[in-house]
Amino acid sequence: MTAAAMDGEPPAGTAADLAKPPVNEPREAEQFLMQTPQGNPLLLSHTLQELLSKDSVQVELIPEKKGLFLKHVEYEVSSKRFKCSVYRRYNDFVVFHEMLLQKFPYRMVPALPPKRMLGADREFIESRRRALKRFINLVARHPPFSEDVLLKLFLSFSGSDVQNKLRELVQGVGDEFVTCRLATQAKDFLPADIQAQFAASRELIRNIYNSFYKLRDRAERIASRAIDNASDLLIFGKELSALGSDTTPLPAWAALNNNTWGTLKQALKGLSVEFALLADKAVQQGKQEENDVVEKLNLFLDLLQSYKDLCERHEKGVLHKHQRALHKYSMMKKQMMSATVQNKEPESVEQLESRIVEQENAIMTMELRNYFSLYCLHQETQLIHIYLPLTSHILGAFVNSQIQGHKEMSKVWNELKPKLSCLFVGSSSMPTPPLSPPEGNFFSN
């Protein structure tokens, strides 16, 4: 993947506004041009580990601040790569997202979570925080984005007007087609069957997305069941404790000359502690599955969705405009032929010829943009396939969470089992009942 060189002079502002390392603006448009690697620039040489190690960005909620009319949520965004933390609001992410799309219309720009003006509960805010974290990490690990001045500024500029600074960086610069040296040569690097490859890749990734969407839903249900199980275990233990703490007097005729009920109550009292421990282990397993399995699946789904969005932009954007321009050009040529046949005024014919030349130039530019869009799509498809081994990370996290969770739960259950023996202590003439009745005898007459 080509990488943008973005060194130059820092944006205007005080020295205190910039956290280390400083964000640099390019001195001239030449520095925006994508560097050409050795060999075929269409091919990517990155590995998944290289992408993941580009940066790790944390997004944490900070205490709510009250505005003049509404409360707003702020996030502390901490980049491991830039070794700094900045404060960002949701609208800062929105502007950053808009500038990325404006500068890189032919790349996978992940979608932002929706904005919710009123009634945002804790669950929604936490869900949005997780989504923003996934967004910024996918951007920070995307080869062209990771070296772009927009990302550097977003992750390190500590001034209050970050939105204006982001807009200033893009204003008058042009998109990647304008700044990339290879834009006009993109067709030369594309395979002859690029359209067929594009259609096949799109279908494959659509199928992968649908399967991972279902996997994510199942993983969410598994994690949710672990947390529900914790709640049930806790209530189960509390009910046993409540039973053991019952103070209702025992009638003399019910005692049957032994203190079985008193002994049972004494044993039941202490069991709530073990069940509370079991509940805690179940909660830990559920949260681990949410963080290590569900979130990884969501990250991959966000990436796949951004590819689907890119394919749609290609078809509805540059490709559609190109087709419309060709249709317009065809109509103008027909007008020209008609004007020639009808021997119209030379001046009107010259104007029509001038418009046809302009349209031909526009079509040529659109053709170049169309090929560059396909060039970028080819690279983004490779990027998706570089991310595919993330599947093994997800499955590994899922298996490990199950092993660890069941192992810890089993340990607590095994420690609890001997404590149940006291529930069956009776008189010396009465045998201790087995913990599990023989099959088929429990309900026998």
Protein backbone atom coordinates (compact mmCIF):
# COMPACT_ATOMS: atom_id res chain seq x y z
CA MET A 1 0.00 0.00 0.00
CA THR A 2 1.32 3.45 -0.79
CA ALA A 3 2.02 5.79 2.10
CA ALA A 4 1.70 9.56 2.22
CA ALA A 5 4.66 11.67 3.28
CA MET A 6 3.41 14.41 5.56
CA ASP A 7 6.37 16.37 6.91
CA GLY A 8 6.52 20.15 6.94
CA GLU A 9 5.60 23.06 9.12
CA PRO A 10 3.19 22.78 12.07
CA PRO A 11 -0.26 24.39 11.94
CA ALA A 12 -0.69 27.80 13.47
CA GLY A 13 -1.20 27.93 17.22
CA THR A 14 0.73 28.14 20.44
CA ALA A 15 3.36 25.58 21.34
CA ALA A 16 1.19 24.43 24.22
CA ASP A 17 -1.56 23.45 21.82
CA LEU A 18 0.37 20.51 20.43
CA ALA A 19 1.13 17.37 22.36
CA LYS A 20 4.29 15.51 21.41
CA PRO A 21 5.07 14.56 18.72
CA PRO A 22 4.07 17.74 16.84
CA VAL A 23 1.62 17.56 13.95
CA ASN A 24 3.12 18.79 10.72
CA GLU A 25 1.53 20.47 7.74
CA PRO A 26 3.05 19.91 4.30
CA ARG A 27 5.06 22.78 2.88
CA GLU A 28 3.68 22.14 -0.61
CA ALA A 29 1.28 19.88 -2.46
CA GLU A 30 4.18 17.67 -3.61
CA GLN A 31 4.47 16.31 -0.07
CA PHE A 32 0.92 14.99 -0.26
CA LEU A 33 1.85 12.68 -3.14
CA MET A 34 1.81 9.00 -2.33
CA GLN A 35 5.24 7.39 -2.26
CA THR A 36 5.74 4.56 -4.75
CA PRO A 37 7.16 1.36 -3.23
CA GLN A 38 9.46 -1.07 -5.00
CA GLY A 39 7.80 -3.42 -7.49
CA ASN A 40 4.11 -3.38 -8.35
CA PRO A 41 2.50 -0.61 -6.25
CA LEU A 42 -0.85 -2.36 -6.50
CA LEU A 43 0.28 -5.22 -4.26
CA LEU A 44 0.31 -4.95 -0.47
CA SER A 45 3.08 -6.49 1.58
CA HIS A 46 1.64 -5.93 5.07
CA THR A 47 0.85 -8.68 7.55
CA LEU A 48 -1.94 -8.62 10.13
CA GLN A 49 0.60 -8.26 12.92
CA GLU A 50 2.15 -5.24 11.20
CA LEU A 51 -1.25 -3.59 10.88
CA LEU A 52 -2.20 -4.27 14.51
CA SER A 53 1.14 -2.97 15.75
CA LYS A 54 0.80 0.39 13.96
CA ASP A 55 -1.06 1.82 16.93
CA SER A 56 -3.35 0.96 19.81
CA VAL A 57 -5.79 3.74 20.67
CA GLN A 58 -7.88 3.80 23.85
CA VAL A 59 -11.13 5.75 24.03
CA GLU A 60 -12.41 6.29 27.57
CA LEU A 61 -15.34 8.28 28.92
CA ILE A 62 -14.56 11.23 31.14
CA PRO A 63 -17.07 12.66 33.64
CA GLU A 64 -20.00 14.47 32.05
CA LYS A 65 -19.83 18.23 31.79
CA LYS A 66 -22.90 20.40 31.77
CA GLY A 67 -23.25 22.84 28.91
CA LEU A 68 -25.52 25.88 28.93
CA PHE A 69 -28.53 23.80 27.90
CA LEU A 70 -27.46 20.17 27.52
CA LYS A 71 -24.93 17.86 29.05
CA HIS A 72 -22.33 16.52 26.66
CA VAL A 73 -20.04 13.53 26.72
CA GLU A 74 -16.28 13.81 26.26
CA TYR A 75 -13.75 11.09 25.57
CA GLU A 76 -10.09 10.77 26.44
CA VAL A 77 -8.36 9.45 23.32
CA SER A 78 -4.93 7.98 24.05
CA SER A 79 -2.55 6.89 21.30
CA LYS A 80 0.24 4.45 22.11
CA ARG A 81 2.09 5.45 18.94
CA PHE A 82 2.06 9.19 19.63
CA LYS A 83 2.38 8.73 23.41
CA CYS A 84 -0.23 11.37 24.19
CA SER A 85 -3.84 11.82 25.24
CA VAL A 86 -6.35 14.36 23.95
CA TYR A 87 -9.97 15.13 24.74
CA ARG A 88 -12.53 14.73 21.98
CA ARG A 89 -16.28 15.12 21.66
CA TYR A 90 -18.46 13.12 19.31
CA ASN A 91 -18.70 16.07 16.89
CA ASP A 92 -14.89 16.09 16.64
CA PHE A 93 -15.08 12.49 15.40
CA VAL A 94 -17.80 13.55 12.93
CA VAL A 95 -15.62 16.28 11.36
CA PHE A 96 -12.60 13.95 11.29
CA HIS A 97 -14.74 11.34 9.52
CA GLU A 98 -15.99 13.91 6.98
CA MET A 99 -12.46 15.09 6.20
CA LEU A 100 -11.26 11.50 5.71
CA LEU A 101 -14.06 10.84 3.24
CA GLN A 102 -13.33 14.10 1.43
CA LYS A 103 -9.63 13.32 1.14
CA PHE A 104 -9.89 9.52 0.64
CA PRO A 105 -13.20 8.90 -1.20
CA TYR A 106 -11.84 5.68 -2.74
CA ARG A 107 -10.73 4.07 0.53
CA MET A 108 -12.48 2.18 3.33
CA VAL A 109 -13.50 4.84 5.83
CA PRO A 110 -15.31 3.09 8.72
CA ALA A 111 -18.73 4.44 9.65
CA LEU A 112 -19.33 6.30 12.90
CA PRO A 113 -21.94 5.18 15.44
CA PRO A 114 -25.17 7.19 15.27
CA LYS A 115 -25.67 10.39 17.22
CA ARG A 116 -28.45 10.44 19.79
CA MET A 117 -29.46 13.88 20.94
CA LEU A 118 -31.74 13.15 23.89
CA GLY A 119 -32.32 10.27 26.24
CA ALA A 120 -28.87 8.71 25.83
CA ASP A 121 -28.68 6.13 28.60
CA ARG A 122 -25.53 4.51 29.97
CA GLU A 123 -25.90 1.48 27.74
CA PHE A 124 -26.07 3.65 24.61
CA ILE A 125 -23.11 5.80 25.71
CA GLU A 126 -20.98 2.72 26.43
CA SER A 127 -21.97 1.15 23.11
CA ARG A 128 -20.99 4.35 21.30
CA ARG A 129 -17.66 4.53 23.16
CA ARG A 130 -16.82 1.01 22.02
CA ALA A 131 -17.80 1.87 18.43
CA LEU A 132 -15.65 5.03 18.44
CA LYS A 133 -12.73 2.99 19.74
CA ARG A 134 -13.14 0.48 16.92
CA PHE A 135 -13.41 3.30 14.38
CA ILE A 136 -10.25 5.13 15.44
CA ASN A 137 -8.21 1.91 15.67
CA LEU A 138 -9.22 0.81 12.17
CA VAL A 139 -8.27 4.26 10.86
CA ALA A 140 -4.98 4.33 12.80
CA ARG A 141 -4.00 0.96 11.31
CA HIS A 142 -5.04 1.68 7.72
CA PRO A 143 -1.79 2.20 5.74
CA PRO A 144 -2.55 5.53 3.95
CA PHE A 145 -4.52 6.95 6.90
CA SER A 146 -1.86 6.00 9.43
CA GLU A 147 0.71 8.28 7.79
CA ASP A 148 -1.66 11.12 7.01
CA VAL A 149 -1.51 14.48 8.73
CA LEU A 150 -5.26 14.31 9.50
CA LEU A 151 -4.75 11.36 11.83
CA LYS A 152 -1.69 12.91 13.43
CA LEU A 153 -3.58 16.07 14.19
CA PHE A 154 -6.66 14.27 15.51
CA LEU A 155 -4.63 12.12 17.89
CA SER A 156 -2.19 14.76 19.14
CA PHE A 157 -3.61 18.29 18.78
CA SER A 158 -4.72 19.48 22.22
CA GLY A 159 -6.18 22.86 21.23
CA SER A 160 -9.87 23.63 21.51
CA ASP A 161 -10.47 24.26 17.78
CA VAL A 162 -9.54 20.82 16.43
CA GLN A 163 -12.48 20.86 14.01
CA ASN A 164 -11.27 24.02 12.25
CA LYS A 165 -7.71 22.67 12.13
CA LEU A 166 -8.94 19.48 10.46
CA ARG A 167 -10.89 21.45 7.85
CA GLU A 168 -7.88 23.70 7.17
CA LEU A 169 -5.71 20.67 6.38
CA VAL A 170 -8.07 19.51 3.64
CA GLN A 171 -9.13 22.88 2.23
CA GLY A 172 -7.75 23.46 -1.27
CA VAL A 173 -5.61 20.33 -1.25
CA GLY A 174 -7.72 17.96 -3.35
CA ASP A 175 -8.50 14.31 -2.79
CA GLU A 176 -6.18 11.31 -3.16
CA PHE A 177 -6.68 11.21 -6.93
CA VAL A 178 -5.18 14.71 -7.19
CA THR A 179 -2.30 14.07 -4.79
CA CYS A 180 -1.26 10.56 -5.86
CA ARG A 181 1.54 10.29 -8.42
CA LEU A 182 0.12 7.02 -9.71
CA ALA A 183 -3.44 8.27 -10.26
CA THR A 184 -3.10 8.73 -14.01
CA GLN A 185 -1.23 5.41 -14.37
CA ALA A 186 -3.63 3.29 -12.30
CA LYS A 187 -5.02 1.49 -15.36
CA ASP A 188 -1.55 0.17 -16.22
CA PHE A 189 -1.34 -1.75 -12.93
CA LEU A 190 -4.83 -3.26 -13.02
CA PRO A 191 -5.47 -6.81 -14.29
CA ALA A 192 -7.44 -7.09 -17.51
CA ASP A 193 -10.36 -8.80 -15.75
CA ILE A 194 -10.59 -6.21 -12.96
CA GLN A 195 -14.38 -5.87 -13.30
CA ALA A 196 -14.89 -9.62 -12.91
CA GLN A 197 -12.49 -9.69 -9.95
CA PHE A 198 -14.32 -6.78 -8.36
CA ALA A 199 -17.70 -8.53 -8.72
CA ALA A 200 -16.36 -11.82 -7.32
CA SER A 201 -14.63 -10.11 -4.38
CA ARG A 202 -17.72 -8.12 -3.57
CA GLU A 203 -19.86 -11.27 -3.50
CA LEU A 204 -17.33 -13.15 -1.34
CA ILE A 205 -17.03 -10.37 1.20
CA ARG A 206 -20.82 -9.98 1.31
CA ASN A 207 -21.04 -13.69 2.24
CA ILE A 208 -18.27 -13.37 4.83
CA TYR A 209 -20.06 -10.37 6.35
CA ASN A 210 -23.37 -12.26 6.61
CA SER A 211 -21.70 -15.21 8.35
CA PHE A 212 -19.74 -13.05 10.78
CA TYR A 213 -22.88 -11.06 11.54
CA LYS A 214 -24.56 -14.28 12.69
CA LEU A 215 -21.46 -15.33 14.63
CA ARG A 216 -21.45 -11.97 16.42
CA ASP A 217 -25.12 -12.40 17.38
CA ARG A 218 -24.44 -15.88 18.80
CA ALA A 219 -21.40 -14.61 20.70
CA GLU A 220 -23.49 -11.79 22.18
CA ARG A 221 -26.11 -14.29 23.31
CA ILE A 222 -23.46 -16.53 24.89
CA ALA A 223 -21.94 -13.59 26.78
CA SER A 224 -25.40 -12.40 27.81
CA ARG A 225 -26.31 -15.87 29.08
CA ALA A 226 -23.18 -15.94 31.25
CA ILE A 227 -24.23 -12.66 32.87
CA ASP A 228 -27.84 -13.88 33.26
CA ASN A 229 -26.47 -17.08 34.79
CA ALA A 230 -24.56 -14.98 37.30
CA SER A 231 -27.74 -13.20 38.32
CA ASP A 232 -29.58 -16.51 38.74
CA LEU A 233 -26.76 -18.03 40.81
CA LEU A 234 -26.70 -14.98 43.07
CA ILE A 235 -30.47 -15.15 43.66
CA PHE A 236 -30.26 -18.92 44.19
CA GLY A 237 -27.65 -18.41 46.91
CA LYS A 238 -29.63 -15.60 48.55
CA GLU A 239 -32.75 -17.77 48.68
CA LEU A 240 -30.78 -20.58 50.34
CA SER A 241 -29.43 -18.07 52.85
CA ALA A 242 -32.93 -16.69 53.48
CA LEU A 243 -34.16 -20.24 54.05
CA GLY A 244 -31.37 -20.85 56.54
CA SER A 245 -32.14 -17.60 58.35
CA ASP A 246 -35.86 -18.32 58.76
CA THR A 247 -36.92 -17.63 62.38
CA THR A 248 -40.36 -19.23 62.28
CA PRO A 249 -40.72 -21.43 65.41
CA LEU A 250 -40.64 -25.15 64.75
CA PRO A 251 -43.65 -27.02 66.28
CA ALA A 252 -42.67 -29.75 68.71
CA TRP A 253 -44.61 -32.41 66.81
CA ALA A 254 -42.62 -31.62 63.62
CA ALA A 255 -39.21 -32.11 65.27
CA LEU A 256 -39.61 -35.94 65.42
CA ASN A 257 -37.12 -36.08 68.29
CA ASN A 258 -34.22 -34.73 66.20
CA ASN A 259 -32.81 -31.36 65.19
CA THR A 260 -32.65 -32.01 61.41
CA TRP A 261 -34.22 -28.66 60.47
CA GLY A 262 -31.89 -26.71 62.73
CA THR A 263 -28.86 -28.47 61.29
CA LEU A 264 -30.05 -27.84 57.73
CA LYS A 265 -30.64 -24.17 58.41
CA GLN A 266 -27.18 -23.76 59.88
CA ALA A 267 -25.62 -25.31 56.77
CA LEU A 268 -27.76 -23.33 54.33
CA LYS A 269 -26.76 -20.00 55.88
CA GLY A 270 -23.18 -20.21 54.63
CA LEU A 271 -23.94 -21.38 51.10
CA SER A 272 -24.82 -17.91 49.78
CA VAL A 273 -21.12 -16.99 49.95
CA GLU A 274 -20.16 -19.81 47.56
CA PHE A 275 -23.00 -18.96 45.18
CA ALA A 276 -21.98 -15.30 45.23
CA LEU A 277 -18.47 -16.44 44.23
CA LEU A 278 -19.95 -18.56 41.43
CA ALA A 279 -21.94 -15.54 40.24
CA ASP A 280 -18.80 -13.41 40.23
CA LYS A 281 -16.97 -15.98 38.10
CA ALA A 282 -19.88 -16.09 35.65
CA VAL A 283 -19.89 -12.27 35.34
CA GLN A 284 -16.14 -12.30 34.69
CA GLN A 285 -16.59 -14.89 31.94
CA GLY A 286 -19.41 -12.89 30.34
CA LYS A 287 -17.40 -9.67 30.35
CA GLN A 288 -14.32 -11.45 29.00
CA GLU A 289 -16.41 -12.82 26.13
CA GLU A 290 -17.80 -9.33 25.45
CA ASN A 291 -14.33 -7.75 25.36
CA ASP A 292 -12.29 -10.51 23.71
CA VAL A 293 -14.83 -12.12 21.38
CA VAL A 294 -17.80 -9.84 20.68
CA GLU A 295 -15.65 -6.70 20.29
CA LYS A 296 -13.22 -8.44 17.92
CA LEU A 297 -16.16 -9.65 15.85
CA ASN A 298 -17.60 -6.12 15.83
CA LEU A 299 -14.24 -4.71 14.73
CA PHE A 300 -14.09 -7.11 11.79
CA LEU A 301 -17.74 -6.41 10.92
CA ASP A 302 -17.02 -2.66 10.94
CA LEU A 303 -14.18 -3.24 8.50
CA LEU A 304 -16.32 -5.44 6.22
CA GLN A 305 -19.13 -2.88 6.31
CA SER A 306 -16.70 -0.14 5.29
CA TYR A 307 -15.75 -2.27 2.26
CA LYS A 308 -19.42 -2.69 1.33
CA ASP A 309 -19.89 1.08 1.67
CA LEU A 310 -16.84 1.68 -0.54
CA CYS A 311 -18.22 -0.59 -3.26
CA GLU A 312 -21.48 1.34 -3.17
CA ARG A 313 -19.66 4.68 -3.39
CA HIS A 314 -17.75 3.38 -6.41
CA GLU A 315 -20.91 2.35 -8.24
CA LYS A 316 -23.05 5.36 -7.29
CA GLY A 317 -20.21 7.86 -7.48
CA VAL A 318 -17.45 7.88 -10.06
CA LEU A 319 -18.86 5.03 -12.16
CA HIS A 320 -22.32 6.58 -12.35
CA LYS A 321 -20.90 10.03 -13.15
CA HIS A 322 -18.74 8.51 -15.88
CA GLN A 323 -21.75 6.83 -17.47
CA ARG A 324 -23.79 10.05 -17.32
CA ALA A 325 -20.91 11.99 -18.90
CA LEU A 326 -20.70 9.47 -21.75
CA HIS A 327 -24.44 9.78 -22.33
CA LYS A 328 -24.18 13.57 -22.37
CA TYR A 329 -21.24 13.37 -24.79
CA SER A 330 -23.26 11.10 -27.10
CA MET A 331 -26.14 13.59 -27.14
CA MET A 332 -23.76 16.47 -27.93
CA LYS A 333 -22.25 14.55 -30.84
CA LYS A 334 -25.74 13.98 -32.22
CA GLN A 335 -26.44 17.72 -31.89
CA MET A 336 -23.19 18.44 -33.74
CA MET A 337 -24.13 16.13 -36.60
CA SER A 338 -27.58 17.70 -36.81
CA ALA A 339 -26.11 21.22 -36.83
CA THR A 340 -23.71 20.27 -39.63
CA VAL A 341 -26.50 18.79 -41.73
CA GLN A 342 -28.70 21.84 -41.21
CA ASN A 343 -25.83 24.25 -42.04
CA LYS A 344 -26.27 26.27 -38.88
CA GLU A 345 -24.34 29.45 -38.12
CA PRO A 346 -20.54 28.86 -37.81
CA GLU A 347 -20.54 30.60 -34.42
CA SER A 348 -23.06 28.18 -32.91
CA VAL A 349 -21.16 25.23 -34.42
CA GLU A 350 -17.90 26.49 -32.89
CA GLN A 351 -19.57 26.83 -29.47
CA LEU A 352 -20.86 23.28 -29.75
CA GLU A 353 -17.42 22.04 -30.78
CA SER A 354 -15.89 23.82 -27.76
CA ARG A 355 -18.42 22.18 -25.45
CA ILE A 356 -17.66 18.79 -26.98
CA VAL A 357 -13.92 19.26 -26.35
CA GLU A 358 -14.66 20.23 -22.74
CA GLN A 359 -16.86 17.17 -22.36
CA GLU A 360 -14.14 14.95 -23.84
CA ASN A 361 -11.67 16.29 -21.27
CA ALA A 362 -14.20 15.72 -18.48
CA ILE A 363 -14.77 12.14 -19.68
CA MET A 364 -11.03 11.52 -19.80
CA THR A 365 -10.69 12.72 -16.20
CA MET A 366 -13.64 10.60 -15.12
CA GLU A 367 -12.13 7.55 -16.81
CA LEU A 368 -8.89 8.12 -14.94
CA ARG A 369 -10.83 8.52 -11.68
CA ASN A 370 -12.76 5.33 -12.42
CA TYR A 371 -9.55 3.35 -12.90
CA PHE A 372 -8.01 4.92 -9.81
CA SER A 373 -11.12 3.99 -7.84
CA LEU A 374 -10.72 0.39 -9.04
CA TYR A 375 -7.00 0.57 -8.19
CA CYS A 376 -7.87 1.58 -4.62
CA LEU A 377 -10.64 -1.04 -4.44
CA HIS A 378 -8.12 -3.70 -5.45
CA GLN A 379 -5.85 -2.65 -2.59
CA GLU A 380 -8.69 -2.40 -0.09
CA THR A 381 -9.75 -5.93 -1.06
CA GLN A 382 -6.23 -7.12 -0.28
CA LEU A 383 -6.46 -5.31 3.04
CA ILE A 384 -9.64 -7.23 3.90
CA HIS A 385 -7.83 -10.50 3.18
CA ILE A 386 -4.90 -9.41 5.36
CA TYR A 387 -7.41 -8.98 8.19
CA LEU A 388 -9.05 -12.41 7.61
CA PRO A 389 -6.60 -14.27 9.94
CA LEU A 390 -8.22 -12.21 12.71
CA THR A 391 -10.70 -15.11 12.64
CA SER A 392 -8.15 -17.31 14.40
CA HIS A 393 -7.64 -14.63 17.07
CA ILE A 394 -11.39 -14.48 17.63
CA LEU A 395 -11.80 -18.26 17.85
CA GLY A 396 -8.78 -18.50 20.13
CA ALA A 397 -10.23 -15.86 22.45
CA PHE A 398 -13.59 -17.65 22.45
CA VAL A 399 -12.09 -21.06 23.29
CA ASN A 400 -9.80 -19.59 25.96
CA SER A 401 -12.66 -17.72 27.63
CA GLN A 402 -14.72 -20.93 27.75
CA ILE A 403 -11.81 -22.99 29.10
CA GLN A 404 -10.86 -20.40 31.70
CA GLY A 405 -14.45 -19.69 32.70
CA HIS A 406 -15.45 -23.35 33.10
CA LYS A 407 -12.18 -24.11 34.87
CA GLU A 408 -12.75 -21.42 37.49
CA MET A 409 -16.43 -22.30 37.87
CA SER A 410 -15.57 -25.99 38.23
CA LYS A 411 -13.08 -25.19 40.98
CA VAL A 412 -15.72 -23.33 42.99
CA TRP A 413 -18.31 -26.09 42.43
CA ASN A 414 -15.81 -28.73 43.60
CA GLU A 415 -15.05 -26.70 46.73
CA LEU A 416 -18.77 -26.36 47.37
CA LYS A 417 -19.58 -30.06 47.05
CA PRO A 418 -17.98 -31.25 50.37
CA LYS A 419 -19.85 -28.51 52.23
CA LEU A 420 -23.15 -30.13 51.24
CA SER A 421 -22.38 -33.26 53.31
CA CYS A 422 -23.45 -31.48 56.46
CA LEU A 423 -26.93 -31.10 54.99
CA PHE A 424 -27.46 -34.86 55.37
CA VAL A 425 -26.13 -35.36 58.87
CA GLY A 426 -28.84 -37.16 60.87
CA SER A 427 -29.03 -39.49 63.84
CA SER A 428 -26.59 -42.36 64.03
CA SER A 429 -29.41 -44.75 63.10
CA MET A 430 -30.20 -42.92 59.87
CA PRO A 431 -27.89 -43.31 56.85
CA THR A 432 -26.66 -40.22 55.02
CA PRO A 433 -28.70 -39.80 51.80
CA PRO A 434 -26.70 -39.79 48.55
CA LEU A 435 -26.12 -36.45 46.84
CA SER A 436 -27.82 -37.77 43.67
CA PRO A 437 -30.68 -40.30 43.94
CA PRO A 438 -30.43 -43.41 41.74
CA GLU A 439 -31.98 -42.83 38.32
CA GLY A 440 -35.62 -43.90 38.13
CA ASN A 441 -36.09 -44.14 41.95
CA PHE A 442 -36.66 -40.51 42.83
CA PHE A 443 -40.28 -40.46 41.66
CA SER A 444 -41.06 -44.16 42.26
CA ASN A 445 -44.15 -45.13 44.27
